[in-house]
Amino acid sequence: MGFPTKIQLIKRQASEQWYINFPSAIAQAMEFEKGEVVEWIVKDKHQMTLKRKHTQKQEVKKNSTKKHS
């Protein structure tokens, strides 16, 4: 299922800022967290991939699920 999203542009005298907001349903499904770092990878002019960077909290969750012997 897709979620159409508008791209916003804020122009200032010396710069431009582009914004893409995630719909709440996508952010919740991805379990994004405030301040989380992600990376955009441009595949071509029609496709981008969003790559999640591993955070310390994610590593803690991952390590806590391992069985200790």
PDB file of N, CA and C in Angstrom:
ATOM      1  N   MET A   1       0.846  -1.181   0.000  1.00  0.00           N
ATOM      2  CA  MET A   1       0.000   0.000   0.000  1.00  0.00           C
ATOM      3  C   MET A   1       0.886   1.237   0.000  1.00  0.00           C
ATOM      4  N   GLY A   2       0.581   2.197  -0.839  1.00  0.00           N
ATOM      5  CA  GLY A   2       1.367   3.418  -0.929  1.00  0.00           C
ATOM      6  C   GLY A   2       0.773   4.547  -0.114  1.00  0.00           C
ATOM      7  N   PHE A   3       1.591   5.517   0.198  1.00  0.00           N
ATOM      8  CA  PHE A   3       1.172   6.707   0.926  1.00  0.00           C
ATOM      9  C   PHE A   3       1.677   7.931   0.167  1.00  0.00           C
ATOM     10  N   PRO A   4       0.834   8.568  -0.661  1.00  0.00           N
ATOM     11  CA  PRO A   4       1.273   9.769  -1.378  1.00  0.00           C
ATOM     12  C   PRO A   4       1.717  10.847  -0.391  1.00  0.00           C
ATOM     13  N   THR A   5       2.827  11.486  -0.685  1.00  0.00           N
ATOM     14  CA  THR A   5       3.394  12.498   0.202  1.00  0.00           C
ATOM     15  C   THR A   5       3.928  13.652  -0.633  1.00  0.00           C
ATOM     16  N   LYS A   6       3.614  14.874  -0.253  1.00  0.00           N
ATOM     17  CA  LYS A   6       4.124  16.039  -0.970  1.00  0.00           C
ATOM     18  C   LYS A   6       5.517  16.402  -0.478  1.00  0.00           C
ATOM     19  N   ILE A   7       6.339  16.847  -1.406  1.00  0.00           N
ATOM     20  CA  ILE A   7       7.670  17.349  -1.069  1.00  0.00           C
ATOM     21  C   ILE A   7       7.533  18.849  -0.842  1.00  0.00           C
ATOM     22  N   GLN A   8       8.097  19.331   0.251  1.00  0.00           N
ATOM     23  CA  GLN A   8       8.014  20.743   0.597  1.00  0.00           C
ATOM     24  C   GLN A   8       9.361  21.412   0.360  1.00  0.00           C
ATOM     25  N   LEU A   9       9.329  22.653  -0.076  1.00  0.00           N
ATOM     26  CA  LEU A   9      10.550  23.433  -0.293  1.00  0.00           C
ATOM     27  C   LEU A   9      10.413  24.753   0.432  1.00  0.00           C
ATOM     28  N   ILE A  10      11.415  25.083   1.224  1.00  0.00           N
ATOM     29  CA  ILE A  10      11.481  26.384   1.880  1.00  0.00           C
ATOM     30  C   ILE A  10      12.690  27.101   1.302  1.00  0.00           C
ATOM     31  N   LYS A  11      12.423  28.231   0.625  1.00  0.00           N
ATOM     32  CA  LYS A  11      13.503  29.023   0.023  1.00  0.00           C
ATOM     33  C   LYS A  11      13.814  30.210   0.921  1.00  0.00           C
ATOM     34  N   ARG A  12      15.091  30.386   1.164  1.00  0.00           N
ATOM     35  CA  ARG A  12      15.568  31.548   1.919  1.00  0.00           C
ATOM     36  C   ARG A  12      16.524  32.316   1.011  1.00  0.00           C
ATOM     37  N   GLN A  13      16.992  33.451   1.447  1.00  0.00           N
ATOM     38  CA  GLN A  13      17.884  34.251   0.609  1.00  0.00           C
ATOM     39  C   GLN A  13      19.128  33.476   0.187  1.00  0.00           C
ATOM     40  N   ALA A  14      19.728  32.752   1.117  1.00  0.00           N
ATOM     41  CA  ALA A  14      21.003  32.099   0.828  1.00  0.00           C
ATOM     42  C   ALA A  14      20.919  30.575   0.745  1.00  0.00           C
ATOM     43  N   SER A  15      19.734  30.009   0.906  1.00  0.00           N
ATOM     44  CA  SER A  15      19.666  28.544   0.914  1.00  0.00           C
ATOM     45  C   SER A  15      18.266  28.034   0.589  1.00  0.00           C
ATOM     46  N   GLU A  16      18.203  26.743   0.350  1.00  0.00           N
ATOM     47  CA  GLU A  16      16.946  26.039   0.158  1.00  0.00           C
ATOM     48  C   GLU A  16      16.930  24.837   1.083  1.00  0.00           C
ATOM     49  N   GLN A  17      15.780  24.506   1.608  1.00  0.00           N
ATOM     50  CA  GLN A  17      15.628  23.295   2.416  1.00  0.00           C
ATOM     51  C   GLN A  17      14.450  22.512   1.878  1.00  0.00           C
ATOM     52  N   TRP A  18      14.680  21.229   1.643  1.00  0.00           N
ATOM     53  CA  TRP A  18      13.654  20.330   1.129  1.00  0.00           C
ATOM     54  C   TRP A  18      13.217  19.398   2.247  1.00  0.00           C
ATOM     55  N   TYR A  19      11.923  19.138   2.336  1.00  0.00           N
ATOM     56  CA  TYR A  19      11.384  18.298   3.401  1.00  0.00           C
ATOM     57  C   TYR A  19      10.456  17.235   2.832  1.00  0.00           C
ATOM     58  N   ILE A  20      10.566  16.039   3.379  1.00  0.00           N
ATOM     59  CA  ILE A  20       9.614  14.975   3.107  1.00  0.00           C
ATOM     60  C   ILE A  20       9.179  14.439   4.460  1.00  0.00           C
ATOM     61  N   ASN A  21       7.903  14.512   4.746  1.00  0.00           N
ATOM     62  CA  ASN A  21       7.379  14.019   6.015  1.00  0.00           C
ATOM     63  C   ASN A  21       6.838  12.612   5.843  1.00  0.00           C
ATOM     64  N   PHE A  22       7.106  11.768   6.814  1.00  0.00           N
ATOM     65  CA  PHE A  22       6.582  10.407   6.783  1.00  0.00           C
ATOM     66  C   PHE A  22       5.183  10.393   7.378  1.00  0.00           C
ATOM     67  N   PRO A  23       4.250   9.748   6.709  1.00  0.00           N
ATOM     68  CA  PRO A  23       2.944   9.549   7.337  1.00  0.00           C
ATOM     69  C   PRO A  23       3.110   8.738   8.626  1.00  0.00           C
ATOM     70  N   SER A  24       2.301   9.032   9.590  1.00  0.00           N
ATOM     71  CA  SER A  24       2.381   8.370  10.896  1.00  0.00           C
ATOM     72  C   SER A  24       2.320   6.848  10.773  1.00  0.00           C
ATOM     73  N   ALA A  25       1.487   6.347   9.874  1.00  0.00           N
ATOM     74  CA  ALA A  25       1.354   4.891   9.724  1.00  0.00           C
ATOM     75  C   ALA A  25       2.677   4.241   9.306  1.00  0.00           C
ATOM     76  N   ILE A  26       3.424   4.913   8.439  1.00  0.00           N
ATOM     77  CA  ILE A  26       4.720   4.369   8.009  1.00  0.00           C
ATOM     78  C   ILE A  26       5.725   4.436   9.150  1.00  0.00           C
ATOM     79  N   ALA A  27       5.786   5.582   9.821  1.00  0.00           N
ATOM     80  CA  ALA A  27       6.729   5.745  10.929  1.00  0.00           C
ATOM     81  C   ALA A  27       6.474   4.716  12.027  1.00  0.00           C
ATOM     82  N   GLN A  28       5.205   4.454  12.333  1.00  0.00           N
ATOM     83  CA  GLN A  28       4.870   3.472  13.360  1.00  0.00           C
ATOM     84  C   GLN A  28       5.193   2.059  12.901  1.00  0.00           C
ATOM     85  N   ALA A  29       4.898   1.748  11.638  1.00  0.00           N
ATOM     86  CA  ALA A  29       5.183   0.408  11.123  1.00  0.00           C
ATOM     87  C   ALA A  29       6.685   0.128  11.112  1.00  0.00           C
ATOM     88  N   MET A  30       7.478   1.160  10.840  1.00  0.00           N
ATOM     89  CA  MET A  30       8.933   1.012  10.815  1.00  0.00           C
ATOM     90  C   MET A  30       9.553   1.121  12.209  1.00  0.00           C
ATOM     91  N   GLU A  31       8.731   1.493  13.195  1.00  0.00           N
ATOM     92  CA  GLU A  31       9.190   1.697  14.569  1.00  0.00           C
ATOM     93  C   GLU A  31      10.337   2.714  14.637  1.00  0.00           C
ATOM     94  N   PHE A  32      10.169   3.819  13.880  1.00  0.00           N
ATOM     95  CA  PHE A  32      11.152   4.890  13.938  1.00  0.00           C
ATOM     96  C   PHE A  32      11.155   5.500  15.325  1.00  0.00           C
ATOM     97  N   GLU A  33      12.306   6.017  15.720  1.00  0.00           N
ATOM     98  CA  GLU A  33      12.438   6.697  17.001  1.00  0.00           C
ATOM     99  C   GLU A  33      12.918   8.117  16.766  1.00  0.00           C
ATOM    100  N   LYS A  34      12.519   9.019  17.642  1.00  0.00           N
ATOM    101  CA  LYS A  34      12.941  10.413  17.559  1.00  0.00           C
ATOM    102  C   LYS A  34      14.469  10.487  17.530  1.00  0.00           C
ATOM    103  N   GLY A  35      15.001  11.230  16.575  1.00  0.00           N
ATOM    104  CA  GLY A  35      16.447  11.414  16.487  1.00  0.00           C
ATOM    105  C   GLY A  35      17.184  10.306  15.768  1.00  0.00           C
ATOM    106  N   GLU A  36      16.472   9.294  15.317  1.00  0.00           N
ATOM    107  CA  GLU A  36      17.122   8.173  14.631  1.00  0.00           C
ATOM    108  C   GLU A  36      17.756   8.654  13.322  1.00  0.00           C
ATOM    109  N   VAL A  37      18.915   8.114  12.976  1.00  0.00           N
ATOM    110  CA  VAL A  37      19.628   8.493  11.761  1.00  0.00           C
ATOM    111  C   VAL A  37      19.337   7.477  10.663  1.00  0.00           C
ATOM    112  N   VAL A  38      18.965   7.988   9.496  1.00  0.00           N
ATOM    113  CA  VAL A  38      18.735   7.149   8.321  1.00  0.00           C
ATOM    114  C   VAL A  38      19.538   7.739   7.165  1.00  0.00           C
ATOM    115  N   GLU A  39      19.733   6.947   6.130  1.00  0.00           N
ATOM    116  CA  GLU A  39      20.511   7.388   4.974  1.00  0.00           C
ATOM    117  C   GLU A  39      19.703   7.159   3.696  1.00  0.00           C
ATOM    118  N   TRP A  40      19.618   8.203   2.852  1.00  0.00           N
ATOM    119  CA  TRP A  40      18.962   8.073   1.561  1.00  0.00           C
ATOM    120  C   TRP A  40      19.975   7.600   0.536  1.00  0.00           C
ATOM    121  N   ILE A  41      19.615   6.581  -0.237  1.00  0.00           N
ATOM    122  CA  ILE A  41      20.460   6.083  -1.313  1.00  0.00           C
ATOM    123  C   ILE A  41      19.689   6.282  -2.615  1.00  0.00           C
ATOM    124  N   VAL A  42      20.271   7.038  -3.551  1.00  0.00           N
ATOM    125  CA  VAL A  42      19.607   7.315  -4.819  1.00  0.00           C
ATOM    126  C   VAL A  42      19.938   6.191  -5.795  1.00  0.00           C
ATOM    127  N   LYS A  43      18.911   5.483  -6.230  1.00  0.00           N
ATOM    128  CA  LYS A  43      19.094   4.408  -7.211  1.00  0.00           C
ATOM    129  C   LYS A  43      19.076   4.979  -8.620  1.00  0.00           C
ATOM    130  N   ASP A  44      18.122   5.837  -8.912  1.00  0.00           N
ATOM    131  CA  ASP A  44      18.031   6.575 -10.171  1.00  0.00           C
ATOM    132  C   ASP A  44      17.066   7.730  -9.946  1.00  0.00           C
ATOM    133  N   LYS A  45      16.690   8.439 -10.998  1.00  0.00           N
ATOM    134  CA  LYS A  45      15.832   9.619 -10.831  1.00  0.00           C
ATOM    135  C   LYS A  45      14.413   9.284 -10.391  1.00  0.00           C
ATOM    136  N   HIS A  46      14.078   7.992 -10.350  1.00  0.00           N
ATOM    137  CA  HIS A  46      12.728   7.585  -9.983  1.00  0.00           C
ATOM    138  C   HIS A  46      12.661   6.769  -8.700  1.00  0.00           C
ATOM    139  N   GLN A  47      13.817   6.378  -8.159  1.00  0.00           N
ATOM    140  CA  GLN A  47      13.810   5.512  -6.977  1.00  0.00           C
ATOM    141  C   GLN A  47      14.891   5.909  -5.983  1.00  0.00           C
ATOM    142  N   MET A  48      14.490   5.908  -4.714  1.00  0.00           N
ATOM    143  CA  MET A  48      15.427   6.092  -3.603  1.00  0.00           C
ATOM    144  C   MET A  48      15.160   4.984  -2.595  1.00  0.00           C
ATOM    145  N   THR A  49      16.180   4.634  -1.866  1.00  0.00           N
ATOM    146  CA  THR A  49      16.035   3.670  -0.783  1.00  0.00           C
ATOM    147  C   THR A  49      16.415   4.370   0.514  1.00  0.00           C
ATOM    148  N   LEU A  50      15.662   4.109   1.551  1.00  0.00           N
ATOM    149  CA  LEU A  50      15.982   4.653   2.865  1.00  0.00           C
ATOM    150  C   LEU A  50      16.625   3.542   3.672  1.00  0.00           C
ATOM    151  N   LYS A  51      17.857   3.748   4.072  1.00  0.00           N
ATOM    152  CA  LYS A  51      18.596   2.739   4.832  1.00  0.00           C
ATOM    153  C   LYS A  51      18.680   3.183   6.283  1.00  0.00           C
ATOM    154  N   ARG A  52      18.295   2.295   7.149  1.00  0.00           N
ATOM    155  CA  ARG A  52      18.327   2.583   8.577  1.00  0.00           C
ATOM    156  C   ARG A  52      19.746   2.357   9.103  1.00  0.00           C
ATOM    157  N   LYS A  53      20.249   3.337   9.820  1.00  0.00           N
ATOM    158  CA  LYS A  53      21.540   3.193  10.489  1.00  0.00           C
ATOM    159  C   LYS A  53      21.283   2.512  11.829  1.00  0.00           C
ATOM    160  N   HIS A  54      22.152   1.617  12.228  1.00  0.00           N
ATOM    161  CA  HIS A  54      21.970   0.933  13.508  1.00  0.00           C
ATOM    162  C   HIS A  54      22.268   1.891  14.647  1.00  0.00           C
ATOM    163  N   THR A  55      21.358   1.942  15.594  1.00  0.00           N
ATOM    164  CA  THR A  55      21.539   2.782  16.767  1.00  0.00           C
ATOM    165  C   THR A  55      21.980   1.915  17.940  1.00  0.00           C
ATOM    166  N   GLN A  56      22.474   2.540  18.962  1.00  0.00           N
ATOM    167  CA  GLN A  56      22.910   1.812  20.152  1.00  0.00           C
ATOM    168  C   GLN A  56      21.735   1.040  20.759  1.00  0.00           C
ATOM    169  N   LYS A  57      20.560   1.638  20.775  1.00  0.00           N
ATOM    170  CA  LYS A  57      19.381   0.981  21.337  1.00  0.00           C
ATOM    171  C   LYS A  57      19.043  -0.283  20.546  1.00  0.00           C
ATOM    172  N   GLN A  58      19.161  -0.217  19.208  1.00  0.00           N
ATOM    173  CA  GLN A  58      18.894  -1.387  18.382  1.00  0.00           C
ATOM    174  C   GLN A  58      19.907  -2.489  18.676  1.00  0.00           C
ATOM    175  N   GLU A  59      21.169  -2.115  18.866  1.00  0.00           N
ATOM    176  CA  GLU A  59      22.205  -3.100  19.168  1.00  0.00           C
ATOM    177  C   GLU A  59      21.939  -3.755  20.525  1.00  0.00           C
ATOM    178  N   VAL A  60      21.486  -2.975  21.501  1.00  0.00           N
ATOM    179  CA  VAL A  60      21.172  -3.523  22.821  1.00  0.00           C
ATOM    180  C   VAL A  60      20.039  -4.530  22.694  1.00  0.00           C
ATOM    181  N   LYS A  61      18.986  -4.183  21.942  1.00  0.00           N
ATOM    182  CA  LYS A  61      17.865  -5.098  21.732  1.00  0.00           C
ATOM    183  C   LYS A  61      18.348  -6.380  21.061  1.00  0.00           C
ATOM    184  N   LYS A  62      19.193  -6.235  20.063  1.00  0.00           N
ATOM    185  CA  LYS A  62      19.699  -7.380  19.297  1.00  0.00           C
ATOM    186  C   LYS A  62      20.518  -8.296  20.210  1.00  0.00           C
ATOM    187  N   ASN A  63      21.388  -7.714  21.022  1.00  0.00           N
ATOM    188  CA  ASN A  63      22.251  -8.495  21.904  1.00  0.00           C
ATOM    189  C   ASN A  63      21.469  -9.122  23.045  1.00  0.00           C
ATOM    190  N   SER A  64      20.397  -8.478  23.501  1.00  0.00           N
ATOM    191  CA  SER A  64      19.636  -9.012  24.626  1.00  0.00           C
ATOM    192  C   SER A  64      18.802 -10.215  24.224  1.00  0.00           C
ATOM    193  N   THR A  65      18.582 -10.416  22.928  1.00  0.00           N
ATOM    194  CA  THR A  65      17.800 -11.555  22.476  1.00  0.00           C
ATOM    195  C   THR A  65      18.663 -12.808  22.289  1.00  0.00           C
ATOM    196  N   LYS A  66      19.989 -12.641  22.314  1.00  0.00           N
ATOM    197  CA  LYS A  66      20.890 -13.800  22.191  1.00  0.00           C
ATOM    198  C   LYS A  66      20.863 -14.596  23.484  1.00  0.00           C
ATOM    199  N   LYS A  67      20.933 -15.920  23.365  1.00  0.00           N
ATOM    200  CA  LYS A  67      20.963 -16.786  24.548  1.00  0.00           C
ATOM    201  C   LYS A  67      22.374 -16.810  25.125  1.00  0.00           C
ATOM    202  N   HIS A  68      22.451 -16.713  26.421  1.00  0.00           N
ATOM    203  CA  HIS A  68      23.752 -16.793  27.113  1.00  0.00           C
ATOM    204  C   HIS A  68      23.955 -18.221  27.597  1.00  0.00           C
ATOM    205  N   SER A  69      25.160 -18.756  27.361  1.00  0.00           N
ATOM    206  CA  SER A  69      25.424 -20.135  27.825  1.00  0.00           C
ATOM    207  C   SER A  69      26.340 -20.165  29.005  1.00  0.00           C
TER     208      SER A  69
END
